[in-house]
Protein backbone atom coordinates (compact mmCIF):
# COMPACT_ATOMS: atom_id res chain seq x y z
CA MET A 1 69.76 -28.66 96.70
CA GLY A 2 71.72 -27.46 93.75
CA CYS A 3 69.99 -24.32 92.52
CA GLY A 4 71.84 -21.89 94.75
CA GLN A 5 68.69 -19.92 95.52
CA CYS A 6 67.92 -21.30 98.98
CA SER A 7 68.52 -19.48 102.25
CA SER A 8 71.50 -21.66 103.18
CA GLY A 9 73.60 -20.02 100.51
CA GLY A 10 75.85 -22.94 99.73
CA CYS A 11 73.72 -25.65 98.26
CA GLY A 12 75.91 -26.44 95.28
CA SER A 13 77.12 -25.32 91.92
CA ILE A 14 75.11 -24.20 88.90
CA LYS A 15 75.72 -25.58 85.45
CA ALA A 16 75.26 -23.32 82.48
CA VAL A 17 73.00 -23.94 79.50
CA ASN A 18 74.44 -26.15 76.79
CA ILE A 19 74.45 -25.35 73.10
CA GLY A 20 71.10 -26.13 71.52
CA GLU A 21 69.11 -26.05 74.77
CA LYS A 22 66.26 -23.58 75.13
CA SER A 23 66.42 -23.23 78.91
CA ASN A 24 69.19 -23.20 81.49
CA HIS A 25 67.18 -24.42 84.48
CA VAL A 26 67.23 -28.11 83.52
CA THR A 27 70.96 -28.51 84.19
CA VAL A 28 70.93 -27.78 87.91
CA ALA A 29 73.66 -29.57 89.84
CA GLY A 30 73.08 -31.27 93.16
CA CYS A 31 69.76 -33.03 93.81
CA SER A 32 68.75 -32.82 90.09
CA SER A 33 65.16 -32.07 91.04
CA LYS A 34 65.00 -28.96 88.85
CA GLY A 35 64.20 -26.72 91.79
CA GLY A 36 61.36 -28.83 93.13
CA CYS A 37 62.80 -30.69 96.09
CA GLY A 38 61.03 -30.84 99.43
CA SER A 39 63.87 -29.60 101.61
CA GLY A 40 62.37 -26.14 101.98
CA GLY A 41 64.80 -24.01 100.03
CA CYS A 42 64.00 -24.72 96.39
CA THR A 43 60.24 -24.50 96.91
CA LYS A 44 60.31 -21.38 99.04
CA MET A 45 57.48 -18.99 98.03
CA ASN A 46 56.73 -20.93 94.86
CA SER A 47 53.80 -19.79 92.70
CA PHE A 48 51.62 -22.17 90.69
CA ASP A 49 50.92 -20.85 87.20
CA TRP A 50 47.46 -22.25 86.52
CA LEU A 51 47.33 -20.36 83.19
CA SER A 52 50.50 -21.94 81.81
CA ASN A 53 48.58 -24.25 79.44
CA MET A 54 46.78 -21.36 77.77
CA GLU A 55 48.69 -20.23 74.70
CA THR A 56 48.54 -16.52 73.92
CA PRO A 57 50.17 -14.68 71.02
CA LYS A 58 53.45 -12.95 71.78
CA SER A 59 51.95 -9.56 70.93
CA MET A 60 49.30 -10.03 73.63
CA ARG A 61 51.56 -11.40 76.37
CA TYR A 62 52.18 -9.30 79.44
CA ASN A 63 55.85 -8.34 79.25
CA VAL A 64 56.51 -8.09 83.01
CA VAL A 65 58.03 -11.18 84.64
CA GLU A 66 58.26 -12.15 88.29
CA ILE A 67 61.84 -13.01 89.32
CA LYS A 68 62.75 -14.80 92.54
CA PHE A 69 66.03 -14.17 94.35
CA LYS A 70 67.70 -15.65 97.40
CA GLY A 71 65.50 -16.12 100.45
CA GLY A 72 62.26 -16.10 98.46
CA ARG A 73 62.46 -12.38 97.70
CA LYS A 74 60.51 -11.55 94.52
CA GLU A 75 60.72 -8.54 92.24
CA TYR A 76 59.22 -7.64 88.86
CA PHE A 77 61.18 -6.88 85.67
CA ARG A 78 60.16 -6.03 82.14
CA ASN A 79 61.05 -8.38 79.29
CA VAL A 80 62.04 -5.63 76.86
CA HIS A 81 63.98 -7.94 74.55
CA ASN A 82 61.05 -10.41 74.16
CA LEU A 83 63.12 -13.33 75.39
CA GLU A 84 61.56 -16.79 75.33
CA LEU A 85 61.53 -17.57 79.04
CA TYR A 86 60.50 -20.65 81.00
CA THR A 87 59.81 -21.06 84.69
CA GLY A 88 63.13 -21.70 86.45
CA ASP A 89 65.34 -19.95 83.90
CA PHE A 90 68.31 -18.00 85.28
CA VAL A 91 68.20 -14.45 83.95
CA VAL A 92 70.40 -11.38 84.38
CA CYS A 93 68.32 -8.52 85.78
CA GLU A 94 69.06 -4.83 85.83
CA MET A 95 69.56 -3.24 89.23
CA ALA A 96 69.95 0.33 90.42
CA SER A 97 73.69 -0.29 90.32
CA GLY A 98 75.03 -3.30 88.46
CA TYR A 99 73.11 -6.49 87.81
CA HIS A 100 71.80 -9.49 89.70
CA ILE A 101 70.84 -13.06 88.69
CA GLY A 102 67.54 -14.62 89.65
CA THR A 103 65.12 -17.30 88.46
CA VAL A 104 61.86 -16.86 86.59
CA SER A 105 59.01 -17.79 88.97
CA LEU A 106 55.91 -16.45 87.19
CA GLN A 107 54.91 -14.81 83.93
CA GLY A 108 51.79 -13.92 82.01
CA GLU A 109 48.53 -12.43 83.26
CA LEU A 110 49.08 -13.72 86.78
CA VAL A 111 51.97 -11.28 87.12
CA ARG A 112 49.59 -8.39 86.44
CA LEU A 113 47.30 -9.65 89.22
CA GLN A 114 50.23 -10.01 91.62
CA MET A 115 51.36 -6.46 90.93
CA ILE A 116 47.86 -5.14 91.58
CA LYS A 117 47.71 -7.14 94.82
CA LYS A 118 51.07 -5.73 95.98
CA ASN A 119 50.26 -2.17 94.86
CA ILE A 120 53.08 -1.97 92.32
CA GLN A 121 52.55 0.49 89.47
CA ASP A 122 53.31 -0.70 85.96
CA GLY A 123 55.36 2.32 84.94
CA SER A 124 58.84 3.38 84.02
CA GLU A 125 60.15 2.39 87.47
CA VAL A 126 60.05 -1.32 86.54
CA LEU A 127 63.58 -2.38 85.61
CA SER A 128 64.32 -4.70 82.68
CA ILE A 129 65.74 -8.17 82.07
CA LEU A 130 69.05 -7.93 80.27
CA ARG A 131 69.59 -11.50 79.00
CA LEU A 132 69.59 -15.16 79.82
CA ALA A 133 72.44 -16.08 82.14
CA ASN A 134 75.39 -17.73 80.40
CA GLU A 135 78.16 -19.87 81.84
CA LYS A 136 80.31 -16.94 82.91
CA ASP A 137 77.39 -15.21 84.63
CA LEU A 138 76.43 -18.32 86.58
CA GLU A 139 80.04 -18.93 87.63
CA LYS A 140 80.28 -15.40 88.97
CA HIS A 141 76.91 -15.83 90.69
CA SER A 142 78.17 -18.98 92.46
CA GLN A 143 81.25 -17.10 93.66
CA ALA A 144 79.01 -14.38 95.09
CA ILE A 145 76.89 -16.96 96.92
CA ASN A 146 80.01 -18.55 98.43
CA ARG A 147 80.93 -15.19 99.98
CA ASP A 148 77.67 -14.85 101.92
CA LEU A 149 78.43 -17.00 104.97
CA PRO A 150 82.06 -15.85 105.61
CA THR A 151 80.96 -12.23 105.30
CA MET A 152 78.10 -12.75 107.74
CA TYR A 153 80.36 -14.38 110.36
CA ARG A 154 82.96 -11.63 110.00
CA THR A 155 80.32 -8.90 110.25
CA ARG A 156 78.98 -10.40 113.46
CA GLU A 157 82.46 -10.24 114.94
CA ILE A 158 82.88 -6.59 113.94
CA SER A 159 79.47 -5.59 115.30
CA LYS A 160 80.27 -7.33 118.57
CA GLN A 161 83.56 -5.43 118.83
CA LEU A 162 81.73 -2.14 118.21
CA GLY A 163 79.12 -3.00 120.84
CA LEU A 164 76.15 -2.67 118.50
CA GLN A 165 72.85 -4.03 119.81
CA MET A 166 71.76 -5.73 116.58
CA LYS A 167 71.29 -9.25 115.27
CA LEU A 168 72.61 -9.94 111.79
CA SER A 169 70.55 -12.73 110.20
CA GLU A 170 71.64 -12.89 106.56
CA VAL A 171 73.90 -11.40 103.90
CA GLU A 172 73.10 -11.34 100.18
CA TYR A 173 75.74 -10.44 97.64
CA GLN A 174 74.78 -9.06 94.28
CA SER A 175 75.82 -11.34 91.42
CA ASP A 176 78.40 -8.85 90.11
CA ASN A 177 80.16 -8.81 93.54
CA THR A 178 79.91 -5.02 93.79
CA LYS A 179 77.21 -4.70 96.45
CA ALA A 180 75.98 -6.63 99.49
CA THR A 181 72.76 -6.30 101.48
CA PHE A 182 72.93 -6.98 105.22
CA TYR A 183 69.65 -8.00 106.87
CA TYR A 184 69.49 -7.34 110.60
CA SER A 185 66.94 -7.00 113.38
CA ALA A 186 67.15 -4.72 116.41
CA ASP A 187 64.84 -3.46 119.13
CA ASP A 188 66.12 0.13 119.09
CA ARG A 189 67.71 2.45 116.60
CA VAL A 190 71.27 1.43 115.71
CA ASP A 191 74.05 3.80 114.62
CA PHE A 192 76.02 1.64 112.18
CA ARG A 193 77.93 4.36 110.33
CA GLU A 194 81.25 3.11 111.67
CA LEU A 195 80.27 -0.44 110.79
CA ILE A 196 79.56 0.52 107.17
CA LYS A 197 82.98 2.14 106.85
CA LEU A 198 84.73 -0.97 108.18
CA LEU A 199 82.75 -3.32 105.94
CA ALA A 200 83.28 -1.24 102.81
CA GLY A 201 87.03 -1.05 103.48
CA GLU A 202 87.45 -4.74 104.23
CA PHE A 203 85.25 -6.31 101.53
CA LYS A 204 85.59 -3.58 98.85
CA ILE A 205 81.86 -3.41 98.21
CA ARG A 206 78.94 -1.04 98.57
CA VAL A 207 77.02 -1.82 101.76
CA GLU A 208 73.26 -1.64 102.26
CA MET A 209 71.86 -2.20 105.74
CA ARG A 210 68.22 -3.34 105.73
CA GLN A 211 66.31 -3.74 108.98
CA ILE A 212 63.68 -6.50 109.07
CA SER A 213 61.17 -7.60 111.69
CA LEU A 214 61.41 -10.79 113.69
CA ARG A 215 58.71 -12.41 111.56
CA GLN A 216 60.59 -11.55 108.37
CA GLU A 217 63.78 -12.92 109.90
CA ALA A 218 62.09 -16.24 110.68
CA ALA A 219 60.68 -16.31 107.15
CA ARG A 220 64.11 -15.86 105.58
CA ILE A 221 65.84 -18.39 107.82
CA GLY A 222 63.04 -20.98 107.71
CA GLY A 223 62.48 -23.95 109.97
CA ILE A 224 60.00 -26.56 111.20
CA GLY A 225 57.03 -25.52 113.30
CA SER A 226 55.46 -27.32 116.27
CA CYS A 227 52.94 -28.86 113.85
CA GLY A 228 55.74 -30.74 112.08
CA ARG A 229 55.50 -28.77 108.83
CA GLU A 230 57.62 -25.98 107.40
CA LEU A 231 56.92 -22.49 108.63
CA CYS A 232 54.01 -20.78 106.89
CA CYS A 233 55.96 -17.52 106.64
CA SER A 234 58.80 -19.22 104.76
CA THR A 235 56.64 -21.22 102.32
CA TRP A 236 53.51 -19.25 101.36
CA LEU A 237 52.54 -16.52 103.86
CA THR A 238 53.56 -13.06 102.70
CA ASP A 239 51.46 -10.58 104.69
CA PHE A 240 51.94 -10.58 108.46
CA LYS A 241 48.84 -9.42 110.32
CA ALA A 242 48.74 -8.37 113.96
CA ILE A 243 47.76 -11.25 116.25
CA PRO A 244 46.23 -10.16 119.58
CA THR A 245 46.06 -12.33 122.69
CA ALA A 246 42.27 -12.22 122.34
CA ALA A 247 42.64 -14.70 119.45
CA ALA A 248 43.82 -17.32 121.97
CA ARG A 249 41.06 -16.43 124.44
CA TYR A 250 38.34 -16.83 121.83
CA GLN A 251 39.61 -20.34 121.06
CA ASN A 252 39.83 -21.31 124.77
CA LEU A 253 43.58 -21.84 124.59
CA SER A 254 45.75 -21.66 127.67
CA LEU A 255 47.78 -18.45 127.71
CA ASN A 256 51.12 -20.23 127.76
CA PRO A 257 53.75 -18.15 125.92
CA THR A 258 55.93 -21.15 125.13
CA LYS A 259 53.06 -22.91 123.32
CA LEU A 260 51.50 -19.89 121.63
CA SER A 261 54.68 -18.25 120.33
CA GLY A 262 56.48 -19.31 117.17
CA GLN A 263 60.15 -19.34 116.27
CA CYS A 264 60.10 -15.58 115.83
CA GLY A 265 59.11 -15.09 119.48
CA ARG A 266 55.73 -13.61 118.54
CA LEU A 267 52.28 -15.19 118.63
CA LYS A 268 51.81 -17.85 115.97
CA CYS A 269 50.23 -16.70 112.71
CA CYS A 270 48.02 -19.81 112.65
CA LEU A 271 46.00 -18.41 115.56
CA ASN A 272 44.19 -16.25 113.02
CA TYR A 273 43.28 -19.11 110.66
CA GLU A 274 40.21 -20.35 112.58
CA LEU A 275 39.48 -17.20 114.56
CA GLU A 276 36.46 -16.19 112.45
CA THR A 277 34.92 -19.65 112.84
CA TYR A 278 35.21 -19.41 116.62
CA ILE A 279 33.78 -15.89 116.66
CA ASP A 280 30.74 -17.05 114.65
CA ALA A 281 30.24 -20.02 116.98
CA ILE A 282 30.49 -17.87 120.11
CA LYS A 283 27.46 -15.83 119.03
CA ASP A 284 25.12 -18.63 120.17
CA ILE A 285 26.89 -19.13 123.51
CA PRO A 286 25.18 -17.29 126.42
CA SER A 287 27.31 -14.89 128.42
CA VAL A 288 27.47 -15.88 132.09
CA ASP A 289 28.44 -12.74 134.00
CA ARG A 290 27.34 -14.04 137.41
CA PRO A 291 27.03 -17.51 138.98
CA LEU A 292 23.89 -19.58 138.44
CA LEU A 293 21.70 -19.69 141.56
CA THR A 294 20.44 -23.13 142.61
CA GLU A 295 19.07 -24.48 145.87
CA LYS A 296 22.32 -26.37 146.34
CA GLY A 297 24.39 -23.19 145.98
CA GLU A 298 26.02 -20.89 143.44
CA ALA A 299 27.46 -22.60 140.36
CA THR A 300 30.29 -20.84 138.51
CA VAL A 301 31.28 -21.55 134.92
CA GLN A 302 34.62 -23.31 134.50
CA LYS A 303 34.83 -24.28 130.83
CA THR A 304 32.90 -23.86 127.58
CA ASP A 305 32.78 -26.24 124.62
CA ILE A 306 31.83 -23.90 121.80
CA PHE A 307 31.02 -26.43 119.08
CA ARG A 308 29.14 -28.92 121.29
CA ARG A 309 27.24 -26.07 123.00
CA ILE A 310 28.09 -27.33 126.50
CA MET A 311 29.20 -25.35 129.54
CA TRP A 312 30.77 -26.87 132.66
CA PHE A 313 29.79 -25.52 136.10
CA SER A 314 31.04 -26.33 139.59
CA TYR A 315 30.06 -25.54 143.16
CA PRO A 316 32.50 -23.78 145.52
CA ASN A 317 33.08 -26.71 147.85
CA GLU A 318 33.12 -29.47 145.20
CA THR A 319 35.67 -30.67 142.68
CA ASN A 320 33.13 -32.13 140.25
CA TRP A 321 32.23 -30.26 137.08
CA TYR A 322 28.70 -30.54 135.73
CA PRO A 323 28.23 -30.23 131.93
CA ILE A 324 25.08 -28.28 131.11
CA ALA A 325 23.69 -27.57 127.65
CA CYS A 326 23.62 -23.91 126.63
CA SER A 327 19.84 -24.00 126.21
CA GLN A 328 19.50 -25.21 129.81
CA VAL A 329 21.81 -22.41 130.97
CA VAL A 330 19.56 -19.83 129.31
CA GLU A 331 16.51 -21.31 131.04
CA ILE A 332 18.23 -21.22 134.42
CA GLN A 333 19.21 -17.59 133.87
CA LYS A 334 15.57 -16.73 133.09
CA MET A 335 14.49 -18.56 136.26
CA ASN A 336 17.02 -16.59 138.32
CA GLN A 337 15.69 -13.33 136.89
CA LYS A 338 12.22 -14.31 138.09
CA GLY A 339 13.57 -15.23 141.52
CA LEU A 340 13.30 -18.98 141.02
CA LYS A 341 16.03 -21.54 141.64
CA PRO A 342 16.37 -25.09 140.29
CA VAL A 343 17.08 -27.92 142.71
CA GLY A 344 20.57 -28.63 141.36
CA LEU A 345 22.63 -29.32 138.28
CA GLU A 346 22.85 -33.09 138.73
CA ASN A 347 19.50 -33.73 137.04
CA LEU A 348 20.46 -31.63 134.04
CA VAL A 349 23.71 -33.56 133.50
CA GLN A 350 21.80 -36.68 132.47
CA LEU A 351 20.13 -34.80 129.63
CA VAL A 352 23.51 -33.74 128.28
CA ASP A 353 25.12 -37.18 128.56
CA VAL A 354 22.37 -39.00 126.65
CA ALA A 355 22.97 -37.19 123.35
CA PRO A 356 26.66 -38.05 122.85
CA GLN A 357 26.03 -41.70 123.80
CA SER A 358 23.25 -42.11 121.29
CA LYS A 359 25.37 -40.46 118.62
CA SER A 360 28.39 -42.62 119.33
CA SER A 361 26.25 -45.76 119.44
CA SER A 362 24.86 -44.96 116.01
CA ILE A 363 28.38 -44.54 114.68
CA ASN A 364 29.42 -47.85 116.22
CA ASN A 365 26.36 -49.54 114.75
CA ASP A 366 27.34 -48.30 111.32
CA LEU A 367 30.84 -49.64 111.77
CA GLU A 368 29.56 -52.98 113.00
CA ARG A 369 27.14 -53.16 110.09
CA LEU A 370 30.01 -52.44 107.68
CA ASP A 371 32.21 -55.12 109.24
CA LYS A 372 29.33 -57.59 109.07
CA LYS A 373 28.81 -56.76 105.41
CA PHE A 374 32.43 -57.51 104.50
CA SER A 375 32.47 -60.67 106.63
CA ASP A 376 29.34 -61.92 104.83
CA LYS A 377 31.04 -61.30 101.50
CA ARG A 378 34.04 -63.34 102.55
CA ARG A 379 31.82 -66.16 103.70
CA SER A 380 29.76 -66.16 100.51
CA GLY A 381 32.93 -66.07 98.38
CA GLY A 382 34.75 -68.93 100.09
CA GLY A 383 31.99 -70.53 102.13
CA GLY A 384 31.04 -73.15 99.51
CA GLY A 385 34.58 -74.34 99.14
CA GLY A 386 34.96 -74.47 102.88
CA GLY A 387 31.75 -76.49 103.22
CA ASN A 388 32.85 -78.95 100.52
CA ALA A 389 36.20 -79.23 102.18
CA GLU A 390 34.51 -79.95 105.48
CA ASN A 391 32.28 -82.56 103.84
CA ALA A 392 35.25 -84.10 102.10
CA GLY A 393 37.12 -84.14 105.34
CA GLY A 394 34.13 -85.78 107.04
CA ASN A 395 33.89 -88.47 104.35
CA LYS A 396 37.59 -89.22 104.60
CA SER A 397 37.45 -89.51 108.35
CA GLY A 398 34.38 -91.81 108.08
CA ASN A 399 36.10 -94.09 105.58
CA ARG A 400 39.18 -94.16 107.75
CA ASN A 401 37.15 -95.19 110.78
CA LYS A 402 35.38 -97.96 108.83
CA ARG A 403 38.70 -99.32 107.57
CA HIS A 404 40.13 -99.24 111.08
CA ASN A 405 37.15 -101.13 112.51
CA ARG A 406 37.33 -103.76 109.74
CA ASN A 407 41.03 -104.39 110.42
CA ARG A 408 40.38 -104.61 114.13
CA ASN A 409 37.63 -107.22 113.61
CA ASN A 410 39.90 -109.27 111.33
CA ASN A 411 42.65 -109.31 113.92
CA ARG A 412 40.19 -110.32 116.57
CA ASN A 413 38.91 -113.19 114.45
CA ASN A 414 42.44 -114.42 113.67
CA ASN A 415 43.38 -114.49 117.33
CA ASN A 416 40.28 -116.50 118.29
CA PRO A 417 41.21 -120.28 118.65
CA ASN A 418 37.68 -121.41 118.02
CA ASN A 419 37.89 -120.08 114.51
CA ASN A 420 41.03 -122.10 113.58
CA THR A 421 40.32 -124.96 111.15
CA ASN A 422 42.52 -128.00 110.65
CA PRO A 423 43.57 -128.66 107.09
CA LYS A 424 42.39 -131.82 105.62
């Protein structure tokens, strides 16, 4: 990665725009993928501009641009100088103190929608874009990025010496090397006044301490989840909703903290993705508050298959589980309310097992029919040639046998003394 905007902080150098080029994002050093590699840093929190092909007059364009900084952090700046910007351009942005360099990630009407979604007012508080970054700006920006890791390691040593109960996850220098933001996470309130004095005296910068949650820390650091893909929070997920343990219970998942928790140590965000589907499916499942009464004994529910509408029951002294359809469970409950008891659950199991078998057999028949169809095509395509070849082979073998028999008869006649004739 060569754009310098990933969370690792040291992915390579940045080349400045050459004379005569409109944009400065096409000369990225390193992987030369123009910020689109699949390593997880360049594509962090990318936005797809599906209105980019629609040309609008400059007078009607929305003059607020979305700028992306290190770690996927995005802010909005006003294009007061009407610069001709392209996605991926490095621009110098105005800050509360000094300036910072970021890349253009989105512009146009989609920016207005993003600001409405994030509750950002389009007023005088929106800072402005100063200019396109030149060679000197990008060189200074690279120097600031190279200071991130050494500063973070040194700050961890100082906080350990002071005995502060905090975890420093990342440091981000401003491009003008006058200010640094320290991202940390802590369980309790931390008094870091002494730490700020030591950092300001050692690095000669203004220090800003920003506390983030464990989910935000995992999003900034990134990683690979148990599913084998990049973390949702570091690629596209921006709002972190509360995830209760009931989300796992609704989906019949085992309450194993090691399997249900993500890299942040909290419950995985993906538990909420299919929760509404499970809640809708559970509405048709009967609630079994007490065991089912049968003549064989009391049957307690052990497991529920929500989508197949099957519930498994077992007797106290048996290890076998009996799958019963939900409709049959409702009928048994009505019988129990009337004081009636069925003989047992063994007879009801056969009704449940017949349906999946018939369904699977139909699927297998379709597959067999499809295989037969393709095999018939192969036979019809090359069958004639094969038949001719077989016939030709048969004719050759017949001729060979006739020739062999003729030679054998000739030899037999030559060896017979009765057939010898004396010359006259």
